[in-house]
Amino acid sequence: MSIEFSPSGNIKKTLENAGISAKKTLGQNFLHDNNIIQKMISFGGINKKDTVLEIGPGLGTITKPLSEKAKKVIAIEIDKGVACWLSETMKEKGINNVEVIAGDAIEQLKSENSELKRILPKNYKVVANIPYYLTSHLIRLLLESDYKPETITLMIQKEVAERICNKKNGSLLSISVAFYADAKINFTVSKNCFHPKPKIDSSIISLFPRKINYSKEFSKLFFIILKAGFSSPRKQLLKNLTMIGDRERIEAILKNSDIEGSRRAETLSLDNWITITKNYQKLFT
């Protein structure tokens, strides 16, 4: 049976008729609200010149309307049964600009010789309703990749979206994202828009990657310092940073950075962390 791509489509019935079940181990929650789907595509700024990478397409409720807006959609689905079903359904519907890959998006993005890397163009956009457990890893992988997308539009856990975009209280995740991209929460999505229904609401978030003018060496050091700074969030910054240098030098670095060692990591901005990294380089390298 082919899915009816409509707001009234019964996801549960479609799953049953297709012999597919939502797997908790894969964090599968299928979006079925057409209004939300259209908003998500709109926030992605998709046009007929774009190739879109969709991660976790599931039953194709986003894939189909994406195909109507984009030049091409590359949909990667970890569930082989779902991927096979979706590919066949697209063919039945006469949709020729969608290519479905059965595979793990994380592993495909990591590998230089993966099927995804072979067909992914230099310029592309990402649209994805991703499992919550993949959020941090996938975002960083996309932002650090040599195959960095032009824009990233994601449906993620509301709480995580708020943490990423929190400019008052920083976190390891928010500063990591801010190093590479500007982030914006577009819209909050009720848990009632999914099947199976998750326990929490979601948010549609947009990431706009920036050109990074720092060397790979600097970037690597930045994240070493950042992770040390957040290693024990309740501890003072000076104590945490002594993990990566003797106390006397760390005190000098913080003094040169005009940052009190008694502060906590969450109170520092992206610029503060960049300044600390620059001064660390001067004293330790």
C-alpha atoms as a PDB file:
ATOM      1  CA  MET A   1       0.000   0.000   0.000  1.00  0.00           C
ATOM      2  CA  SER A   2       1.237   3.519  -0.780  1.00  0.00           C
ATOM      3  CA  ILE A   3       0.880   6.320   1.736  1.00  0.00           C
ATOM      4  CA  GLU A   4      -1.647   9.036   1.109  1.00  0.00           C
ATOM      5  CA  PHE A   5       0.327  12.252   1.452  1.00  0.00           C
ATOM      6  CA  SER A   6      -2.366  14.349   3.100  1.00  0.00           C
ATOM      7  CA  PRO A   7      -3.027  16.012   6.473  1.00  0.00           C
ATOM      8  CA  SER A   8      -5.811  13.514   7.081  1.00  0.00           C
ATOM      9  CA  GLY A   9      -3.605  10.519   6.383  1.00  0.00           C
ATOM     10  CA  ASN A  10      -3.788   7.879   9.103  1.00  0.00           C
ATOM     11  CA  ILE A  11      -0.151   7.182   9.981  1.00  0.00           C
ATOM     12  CA  LYS A  12      -0.999   4.271  12.256  1.00  0.00           C
ATOM     13  CA  LYS A  13      -3.108   2.574   9.579  1.00  0.00           C
ATOM     14  CA  THR A  14      -0.453   3.178   6.928  1.00  0.00           C
ATOM     15  CA  LEU A  15       2.181   1.573   9.136  1.00  0.00           C
ATOM     16  CA  GLU A  16      -0.031  -1.469   9.708  1.00  0.00           C
ATOM     17  CA  ASN A  17      -0.890  -1.912   6.021  1.00  0.00           C
ATOM     18  CA  ALA A  18       2.744  -1.523   5.001  1.00  0.00           C
ATOM     19  CA  GLY A  19       3.870  -4.033   7.628  1.00  0.00           C
ATOM     20  CA  ILE A  20       5.997  -1.386   9.345  1.00  0.00           C
ATOM     21  CA  SER A  21       6.130  -0.542  13.040  1.00  0.00           C
ATOM     22  CA  ALA A  22       7.666   2.453  14.803  1.00  0.00           C
ATOM     23  CA  LYS A  23      10.848   1.373  16.584  1.00  0.00           C
ATOM     24  CA  LYS A  24      11.578   2.929  19.959  1.00  0.00           C
ATOM     25  CA  THR A  25      15.226   1.953  19.623  1.00  0.00           C
ATOM     26  CA  LEU A  26      15.485   4.247  16.586  1.00  0.00           C
ATOM     27  CA  GLY A  27      13.508   7.048  18.208  1.00  0.00           C
ATOM     28  CA  GLN A  28      10.892   6.918  15.457  1.00  0.00           C
ATOM     29  CA  ASN A  29       8.079   9.462  15.842  1.00  0.00           C
ATOM     30  CA  PHE A  30       6.363  10.179  12.534  1.00  0.00           C
ATOM     31  CA  LEU A  31       5.197  13.756  11.902  1.00  0.00           C
ATOM     32  CA  HIS A  32       1.687  13.842  10.428  1.00  0.00           C
ATOM     33  CA  ASP A  33       0.484  17.459  10.682  1.00  0.00           C
ATOM     34  CA  ASN A  34       0.547  18.950   7.185  1.00  0.00           C
ATOM     35  CA  ASN A  35       0.533  22.560   8.420  1.00  0.00           C
ATOM     36  CA  ILE A  36       3.674  21.927  10.465  1.00  0.00           C
ATOM     37  CA  ILE A  37       5.305  20.119   7.547  1.00  0.00           C
ATOM     38  CA  GLN A  38       4.694  23.100   5.253  1.00  0.00           C
ATOM     39  CA  LYS A  39       6.062  25.498   7.871  1.00  0.00           C
ATOM     40  CA  MET A  40       9.177  23.389   8.268  1.00  0.00           C
ATOM     41  CA  ILE A  41       9.828  23.422   4.520  1.00  0.00           C
ATOM     42  CA  SER A  42       9.187  27.165   4.417  1.00  0.00           C
ATOM     43  CA  PHE A  43      11.707  27.795   7.197  1.00  0.00           C
ATOM     44  CA  GLY A  44      14.214  25.758   5.189  1.00  0.00           C
ATOM     45  CA  GLY A  45      13.987  28.272   2.340  1.00  0.00           C
ATOM     46  CA  ILE A  46      13.861  25.487  -0.247  1.00  0.00           C
ATOM     47  CA  ASN A  47      13.665  26.351  -3.953  1.00  0.00           C
ATOM     48  CA  LYS A  48      13.985  24.594  -7.309  1.00  0.00           C
ATOM     49  CA  LYS A  49      17.758  25.084  -7.398  1.00  0.00           C
ATOM     50  CA  ASP A  50      18.304  23.200  -4.132  1.00  0.00           C
ATOM     51  CA  THR A  51      19.409  19.689  -3.355  1.00  0.00           C
ATOM     52  CA  VAL A  52      18.028  18.758   0.054  1.00  0.00           C
ATOM     53  CA  LEU A  53      19.387  16.109   2.384  1.00  0.00           C
ATOM     54  CA  GLU A  54      16.572  14.715   4.503  1.00  0.00           C
ATOM     55  CA  ILE A  55      17.710  12.626   7.449  1.00  0.00           C
ATOM     56  CA  GLY A  56      15.196  10.128   8.788  1.00  0.00           C
ATOM     57  CA  PRO A  57      12.397  10.564   6.207  1.00  0.00           C
ATOM     58  CA  GLY A  58      10.266   7.806   7.710  1.00  0.00           C
ATOM     59  CA  LEU A  59       7.016   7.506   5.770  1.00  0.00           C
ATOM     60  CA  GLY A  60       7.847  10.408   3.486  1.00  0.00           C
ATOM     61  CA  THR A  61       5.335  12.923   4.825  1.00  0.00           C
ATOM     62  CA  ILE A  62       8.033  15.600   4.574  1.00  0.00           C
ATOM     63  CA  THR A  63       9.828  14.012   1.603  1.00  0.00           C
ATOM     64  CA  LYS A  64       6.884  14.361  -0.796  1.00  0.00           C
ATOM     65  CA  PRO A  65       6.279  18.116  -0.278  1.00  0.00           C
ATOM     66  CA  LEU A  66      10.051  18.659  -0.258  1.00  0.00           C
ATOM     67  CA  SER A  67      10.242  17.039  -3.686  1.00  0.00           C
ATOM     68  CA  GLU A  68       7.713  19.578  -4.980  1.00  0.00           C
ATOM     69  CA  LYS A  69       9.881  22.510  -3.857  1.00  0.00           C
ATOM     70  CA  ALA A  70      13.433  21.226  -4.451  1.00  0.00           C
ATOM     71  CA  LYS A  71      15.477  20.199  -7.456  1.00  0.00           C
ATOM     72  CA  LYS A  72      16.392  16.928  -5.735  1.00  0.00           C
ATOM     73  CA  VAL A  73      15.865  15.240  -2.363  1.00  0.00           C
ATOM     74  CA  ILE A  74      18.359  12.736  -0.973  1.00  0.00           C
ATOM     75  CA  ALA A  75      16.635  10.904   1.868  1.00  0.00           C
ATOM     76  CA  ILE A  76      18.697   8.691   4.164  1.00  0.00           C
ATOM     77  CA  GLU A  77      16.819   6.249   6.377  1.00  0.00           C
ATOM     78  CA  ILE A  78      18.453   3.891   8.895  1.00  0.00           C
ATOM     79  CA  ASP A  79      15.493   1.489   8.941  1.00  0.00           C
ATOM     80  CA  LYS A  80      16.033  -0.674   5.850  1.00  0.00           C
ATOM     81  CA  GLY A  81      12.424  -1.826   5.736  1.00  0.00           C
ATOM     82  CA  VAL A  82      11.135   1.746   5.818  1.00  0.00           C
ATOM     83  CA  ALA A  83      13.753   2.876   3.276  1.00  0.00           C
ATOM     84  CA  CYS A  84      12.741   0.141   0.835  1.00  0.00           C
ATOM     85  CA  TRP A  85       9.046   0.904   1.293  1.00  0.00           C
ATOM     86  CA  LEU A  86       9.595   4.643   0.832  1.00  0.00           C
ATOM     87  CA  SER A  87      11.665   4.159  -2.323  1.00  0.00           C
ATOM     88  CA  GLU A  88       8.987   1.939  -3.867  1.00  0.00           C
ATOM     89  CA  THR A  89       6.222   4.344  -2.850  1.00  0.00           C
ATOM     90  CA  MET A  90       7.987   7.286  -4.472  1.00  0.00           C
ATOM     91  CA  LYS A  91       8.319   5.326  -7.708  1.00  0.00           C
ATOM     92  CA  GLU A  92       4.643   4.374  -7.603  1.00  0.00           C
ATOM     93  CA  LYS A  93       3.747   8.037  -7.206  1.00  0.00           C
ATOM     94  CA  GLY A  94       5.935   8.982 -10.180  1.00  0.00           C
ATOM     95  CA  ILE A  95       8.237  11.098  -8.016  1.00  0.00           C
ATOM     96  CA  ASN A  96      11.577  10.981  -9.812  1.00  0.00           C
ATOM     97  CA  ASN A  97      13.647  13.564  -7.956  1.00  0.00           C
ATOM     98  CA  VAL A  98      13.896  11.633  -4.692  1.00  0.00           C
ATOM     99  CA  GLU A  99      16.762   9.219  -4.014  1.00  0.00           C
ATOM    100  CA  VAL A 100      16.409   7.049  -0.918  1.00  0.00           C
ATOM    101  CA  ILE A 101      19.498   5.638   0.783  1.00  0.00           C
ATOM    102  CA  ALA A 102      19.222   2.876   3.377  1.00  0.00           C
ATOM    103  CA  GLY A 103      21.890   3.634   5.936  1.00  0.00           C
ATOM    104  CA  ASP A 104      23.051   5.323   9.113  1.00  0.00           C
ATOM    105  CA  ALA A 105      23.343   9.096   8.503  1.00  0.00           C
ATOM    106  CA  ILE A 106      26.070   9.448  11.136  1.00  0.00           C
ATOM    107  CA  GLU A 107      28.256   6.763   9.573  1.00  0.00           C
ATOM    108  CA  GLN A 108      27.509   7.966   6.038  1.00  0.00           C
ATOM    109  CA  LEU A 109      28.528  11.536   6.914  1.00  0.00           C
ATOM    110  CA  LYS A 110      31.697  10.351   8.666  1.00  0.00           C
ATOM    111  CA  SER A 111      32.912   8.189   5.792  1.00  0.00           C
ATOM    112  CA  GLU A 112      34.673   9.837   2.868  1.00  0.00           C
ATOM    113  CA  ASN A 113      33.715   6.969   0.543  1.00  0.00           C
ATOM    114  CA  SER A 114      30.084   6.499   1.552  1.00  0.00           C
ATOM    115  CA  GLU A 115      27.220   6.297  -0.910  1.00  0.00           C
ATOM    116  CA  LEU A 116      25.881   9.577   0.480  1.00  0.00           C
ATOM    117  CA  LYS A 117      29.171  11.441  -0.007  1.00  0.00           C
ATOM    118  CA  ARG A 118      29.403  10.204  -3.589  1.00  0.00           C
ATOM    119  CA  ILE A 119      26.070  11.733  -4.600  1.00  0.00           C
ATOM    120  CA  LEU A 120      25.900  14.748  -2.273  1.00  0.00           C
ATOM    121  CA  PRO A 121      26.714  17.988  -4.151  1.00  0.00           C
ATOM    122  CA  LYS A 122      28.934  20.703  -2.735  1.00  0.00           C
ATOM    123  CA  ASN A 123      25.974  22.984  -2.079  1.00  0.00           C
ATOM    124  CA  TYR A 124      22.976  21.479  -0.312  1.00  0.00           C
ATOM    125  CA  LYS A 125      20.493  22.111   2.485  1.00  0.00           C
ATOM    126  CA  VAL A 126      19.365  19.869   5.324  1.00  0.00           C
ATOM    127  CA  VAL A 127      15.791  19.312   6.476  1.00  0.00           C
ATOM    128  CA  ALA A 128      15.172  16.637   9.090  1.00  0.00           C
ATOM    129  CA  ASN A 129      12.859  15.416  11.803  1.00  0.00           C
ATOM    130  CA  ILE A 130      15.557  13.621  13.764  1.00  0.00           C
ATOM    131  CA  PRO A 131      15.462  11.247  16.741  1.00  0.00           C
ATOM    132  CA  TYR A 132      16.245  13.177  19.920  1.00  0.00           C
ATOM    133  CA  TYR A 133      19.228  11.006  20.824  1.00  0.00           C
ATOM    134  CA  LEU A 134      21.012  11.999  17.591  1.00  0.00           C
ATOM    135  CA  THR A 135      20.680  15.771  17.988  1.00  0.00           C
ATOM    136  CA  SER A 136      24.018  16.880  19.458  1.00  0.00           C
ATOM    137  CA  HIS A 137      26.150  14.414  17.510  1.00  0.00           C
ATOM    138  CA  LEU A 138      24.458  15.077  14.187  1.00  0.00           C
ATOM    139  CA  ILE A 139      24.528  18.873  14.497  1.00  0.00           C
ATOM    140  CA  ARG A 140      28.216  18.967  15.304  1.00  0.00           C
ATOM    141  CA  LEU A 141      29.017  16.461  12.551  1.00  0.00           C
ATOM    142  CA  LEU A 142      27.185  18.583   9.967  1.00  0.00           C
ATOM    143  CA  LEU A 143      28.782  21.820  11.144  1.00  0.00           C
ATOM    144  CA  GLU A 144      32.323  20.401  11.257  1.00  0.00           C
ATOM    145  CA  SER A 145      32.042  18.551   7.966  1.00  0.00           C
ATOM    146  CA  ASP A 146      33.916  19.491   4.818  1.00  0.00           C
ATOM    147  CA  TYR A 147      30.473  18.908   3.268  1.00  0.00           C
ATOM    148  CA  LYS A 148      28.921  21.690   5.351  1.00  0.00           C
ATOM    149  CA  PRO A 149      25.333  22.500   4.271  1.00  0.00           C
ATOM    150  CA  GLU A 150      24.125  25.991   3.395  1.00  0.00           C
ATOM    151  CA  THR A 151      21.302  25.807   5.951  1.00  0.00           C
ATOM    152  CA  ILE A 152      20.076  23.222   8.452  1.00  0.00           C
ATOM    153  CA  THR A 153      16.419  23.000   9.459  1.00  0.00           C
ATOM    154  CA  LEU A 154      15.676  20.474  12.182  1.00  0.00           C
ATOM    155  CA  MET A 155      12.768  19.251  14.254  1.00  0.00           C
ATOM    156  CA  ILE A 156      14.297  18.596  17.669  1.00  0.00           C
ATOM    157  CA  GLN A 157      13.366  18.371  21.330  1.00  0.00           C
ATOM    158  CA  LYS A 158      12.056  21.753  22.523  1.00  0.00           C
ATOM    159  CA  GLU A 159      14.302  21.785  25.581  1.00  0.00           C
ATOM    160  CA  VAL A 160      17.408  21.146  23.461  1.00  0.00           C
ATOM    161  CA  ALA A 161      16.423  23.863  20.980  1.00  0.00           C
ATOM    162  CA  GLU A 162      16.080  26.346  23.831  1.00  0.00           C
ATOM    163  CA  ARG A 163      19.478  25.313  25.198  1.00  0.00           C
ATOM    164  CA  ILE A 164      21.123  25.791  21.794  1.00  0.00           C
ATOM    165  CA  CYS A 165      19.668  29.292  21.405  1.00  0.00           C
ATOM    166  CA  ASN A 166      20.135  30.434  25.009  1.00  0.00           C
ATOM    167  CA  LYS A 167      22.419  33.476  24.891  1.00  0.00           C
ATOM    168  CA  LYS A 168      22.230  34.261  28.624  1.00  0.00           C
ATOM    169  CA  ASN A 169      23.302  30.914  30.055  1.00  0.00           C
ATOM    170  CA  GLY A 170      25.778  29.120  27.822  1.00  0.00           C
ATOM    171  CA  SER A 171      26.298  25.373  27.625  1.00  0.00           C
ATOM    172  CA  LEU A 172      28.743  23.078  25.899  1.00  0.00           C
ATOM    173  CA  LEU A 173      26.136  22.521  23.181  1.00  0.00           C
ATOM    174  CA  SER A 174      25.161  26.177  22.660  1.00  0.00           C
ATOM    175  CA  ILE A 175      28.758  27.439  22.479  1.00  0.00           C
ATOM    176  CA  SER A 176      29.736  24.563  20.180  1.00  0.00           C
ATOM    177  CA  VAL A 177      26.927  25.434  17.779  1.00  0.00           C
ATOM    178  CA  ALA A 178      27.605  29.192  18.031  1.00  0.00           C
ATOM    179  CA  PHE A 179      31.248  28.618  17.019  1.00  0.00           C
ATOM    180  CA  TYR A 180      30.061  27.428  13.607  1.00  0.00           C
ATOM    181  CA  ALA A 181      26.601  28.882  13.027  1.00  0.00           C
ATOM    182  CA  ASP A 182      23.824  31.271  13.947  1.00  0.00           C
ATOM    183  CA  ALA A 183      20.836  29.489  15.462  1.00  0.00           C
ATOM    184  CA  LYS A 184      17.164  30.417  15.579  1.00  0.00           C
ATOM    185  CA  ILE A 185      14.037  28.773  16.988  1.00  0.00           C
ATOM    186  CA  ASN A 186      11.236  29.141  14.452  1.00  0.00           C
ATOM    187  CA  PHE A 187       8.269  27.377  15.944  1.00  0.00           C
ATOM    188  CA  THR A 188       7.149  25.105  18.789  1.00  0.00           C
ATOM    189  CA  VAL A 189       5.429  21.870  17.757  1.00  0.00           C
ATOM    190  CA  SER A 190       3.011  19.978  19.973  1.00  0.00           C
ATOM    191  CA  LYS A 191       3.708  16.321  20.744  1.00  0.00           C
ATOM    192  CA  ASN A 192       0.201  15.655  19.373  1.00  0.00           C
ATOM    193  CA  CYS A 193       1.549  16.186  15.844  1.00  0.00           C
ATOM    194  CA  PHE A 194       3.451  12.882  15.949  1.00  0.00           C
ATOM    195  CA  HIS A 195       2.764   9.168  15.931  1.00  0.00           C
ATOM    196  CA  PRO A 196       3.662   7.553  18.216  1.00  0.00           C
ATOM    197  CA  LYS A 197       3.166  10.586  20.439  1.00  0.00           C
ATOM    198  CA  PRO A 198       6.362  11.502  22.312  1.00  0.00           C
ATOM    199  CA  LYS A 199       6.309  12.675  25.930  1.00  0.00           C
ATOM    200  CA  ILE A 200       7.573  16.162  25.107  1.00  0.00           C
ATOM    201  CA  ASP A 201       7.022  18.957  22.602  1.00  0.00           C
ATOM    202  CA  SER A 202       9.444  19.756  19.789  1.00  0.00           C
ATOM    203  CA  SER A 203      10.774  22.872  18.076  1.00  0.00           C
ATOM    204  CA  ILE A 204      11.748  23.652  14.506  1.00  0.00           C
ATOM    205  CA  ILE A 205      15.210  25.181  14.602  1.00  0.00           C
ATOM    206  CA  SER A 206      17.266  26.753  11.802  1.00  0.00           C
ATOM    207  CA  LEU A 207      21.068  26.829  11.743  1.00  0.00           C
ATOM    208  CA  PHE A 208      22.941  29.124   9.378  1.00  0.00           C
ATOM    209  CA  PRO A 209      26.583  27.993   9.109  1.00  0.00           C
ATOM    210  CA  ARG A 210      29.200  30.736   8.921  1.00  0.00           C
ATOM    211  CA  LYS A 211      32.586  30.721   7.258  1.00  0.00           C
ATOM    212  CA  ILE A 212      35.155  29.848   9.915  1.00  0.00           C
ATOM    213  CA  ASN A 213      38.399  31.806   9.690  1.00  0.00           C
ATOM    214  CA  TYR A 214      40.222  29.755  12.303  1.00  0.00           C
ATOM    215  CA  SER A 215      42.678  26.974  11.554  1.00  0.00           C
ATOM    216  CA  LYS A 216      41.891  23.331  12.302  1.00  0.00           C
ATOM    217  CA  GLU A 217      44.539  23.487  15.016  1.00  0.00           C
ATOM    218  CA  PHE A 218      42.817  26.463  16.666  1.00  0.00           C
ATOM    219  CA  SER A 219      39.380  24.843  16.366  1.00  0.00           C
ATOM    220  CA  LYS A 220      40.645  21.638  17.955  1.00  0.00           C
ATOM    221  CA  LEU A 221      42.193  23.572  20.849  1.00  0.00           C
ATOM    222  CA  PHE A 222      39.025  25.653  21.253  1.00  0.00           C
ATOM    223  CA  PHE A 223      36.937  22.536  21.871  1.00  0.00           C
ATOM    224  CA  ILE A 224      39.505  21.009  24.231  1.00  0.00           C
ATOM    225  CA  ILE A 225      39.335  24.185  26.340  1.00  0.00           C
ATOM    226  CA  LEU A 226      35.551  24.401  26.048  1.00  0.00           C
ATOM    227  CA  LYS A 227      35.053  20.804  27.208  1.00  0.00           C
ATOM    228  CA  ALA A 228      37.431  21.342  30.129  1.00  0.00           C
ATOM    229  CA  GLY A 229      35.574  24.515  31.088  1.00  0.00           C
ATOM    230  CA  PHE A 230      32.245  22.690  31.194  1.00  0.00           C
ATOM    231  CA  SER A 231      33.623  19.469  32.714  1.00  0.00           C
ATOM    232  CA  SER A 232      32.090  20.355  36.103  1.00  0.00           C
ATOM    233  CA  PRO A 233      29.585  23.162  35.417  1.00  0.00           C
ATOM    234  CA  ARG A 234      29.102  24.012  39.100  1.00  0.00           C
ATOM    235  CA  LYS A 235      32.810  24.483  39.706  1.00  0.00           C
ATOM    236  CA  GLN A 236      34.699  27.699  39.114  1.00  0.00           C
ATOM    237  CA  LEU A 237      36.272  28.164  35.687  1.00  0.00           C
ATOM    238  CA  LEU A 238      39.833  28.276  37.056  1.00  0.00           C
ATOM    239  CA  LYS A 239      39.488  24.870  38.734  1.00  0.00           C
ATOM    240  CA  ASN A 240      38.072  23.268  35.600  1.00  0.00           C
ATOM    241  CA  LEU A 241      40.753  24.668  33.300  1.00  0.00           C
ATOM    242  CA  THR A 242      43.591  23.372  35.483  1.00  0.00           C
ATOM    243  CA  MET A 243      42.771  20.030  33.842  1.00  0.00           C
ATOM    244  CA  ILE A 244      44.636  21.276  30.763  1.00  0.00           C
ATOM    245  CA  GLY A 245      47.388  23.403  32.312  1.00  0.00           C
ATOM    246  CA  ASP A 246      49.097  24.358  35.561  1.00  0.00           C
ATOM    247  CA  ARG A 247      47.242  26.787  37.814  1.00  0.00           C
ATOM    248  CA  GLU A 248      49.740  29.638  37.421  1.00  0.00           C
ATOM    249  CA  ARG A 249      49.495  29.685  33.631  1.00  0.00           C
ATOM    250  CA  ILE A 250      45.717  29.307  33.631  1.00  0.00           C
ATOM    251  CA  GLU A 251      45.483  32.272  36.021  1.00  0.00           C
ATOM    252  CA  ALA A 252      47.655  34.291  33.632  1.00  0.00           C
ATOM    253  CA  ILE A 253      45.523  33.284  30.636  1.00  0.00           C
ATOM    254  CA  LEU A 254      42.311  34.307  32.388  1.00  0.00           C
ATOM    255  CA  LYS A 255      43.849  37.580  33.565  1.00  0.00           C
ATOM    256  CA  ASN A 256      45.000  38.393  30.019  1.00  0.00           C
ATOM    257  CA  SER A 257      41.488  37.504  28.831  1.00  0.00           C
ATOM    258  CA  ASP A 258      39.955  39.860  31.423  1.00  0.00           C
ATOM    259  CA  ILE A 259      37.938  36.984  32.893  1.00  0.00           C
ATOM    260  CA  GLU A 260      37.664  36.219  36.610  1.00  0.00           C
ATOM    261  CA  GLY A 261      38.669  32.664  37.511  1.00  0.00           C
ATOM    262  CA  SER A 262      35.771  32.499  39.961  1.00  0.00           C
ATOM    263  CA  ARG A 263      33.217  32.674  37.168  1.00  0.00           C
ATOM    264  CA  ARG A 264      31.365  29.600  35.969  1.00  0.00           C
ATOM    265  CA  ALA A 265      31.511  28.368  32.390  1.00  0.00           C
ATOM    266  CA  GLU A 266      27.849  29.121  31.682  1.00  0.00           C
ATOM    267  CA  THR A 267      28.453  32.865  32.176  1.00  0.00           C
ATOM    268  CA  LEU A 268      30.989  33.108  29.334  1.00  0.00           C
ATOM    269  CA  SER A 269      30.144  34.130  25.777  1.00  0.00           C
ATOM    270  CA  LEU A 270      31.532  32.669  22.558  1.00  0.00           C
ATOM    271  CA  ASP A 271      33.903  35.632  22.294  1.00  0.00           C
ATOM    272  CA  ASN A 272      35.183  34.920  25.814  1.00  0.00           C
ATOM    273  CA  TRP A 273      36.048  31.348  24.869  1.00  0.00           C
ATOM    274  CA  ILE A 274      37.768  32.468  21.678  1.00  0.00           C
ATOM    275  CA  THR A 275      39.842  34.988  23.637  1.00  0.00           C
ATOM    276  CA  ILE A 276      40.845  32.321  26.178  1.00  0.00           C
ATOM    277  CA  THR A 277      41.880  30.008  23.329  1.00  0.00           C
ATOM    278  CA  LYS A 278      44.022  32.719  21.716  1.00  0.00           C
ATOM    279  CA  ASN A 279      45.776  33.495  24.994  1.00  0.00           C
ATOM    280  CA  TYR A 280      46.231  29.790  25.715  1.00  0.00           C
ATOM    281  CA  GLN A 281      47.982  29.438  22.363  1.00  0.00           C
ATOM    282  CA  LYS A 282      50.327  32.325  23.220  1.00  0.00           C
ATOM    283  CA  LEU A 283      51.395  30.846  26.555  1.00  0.00           C
ATOM    284  CA  PHE A 284      51.398  27.132  25.811  1.00  0.00           C
ATOM    285  CA  THR A 285      52.520  26.919  22.179  1.00  0.00           C
END
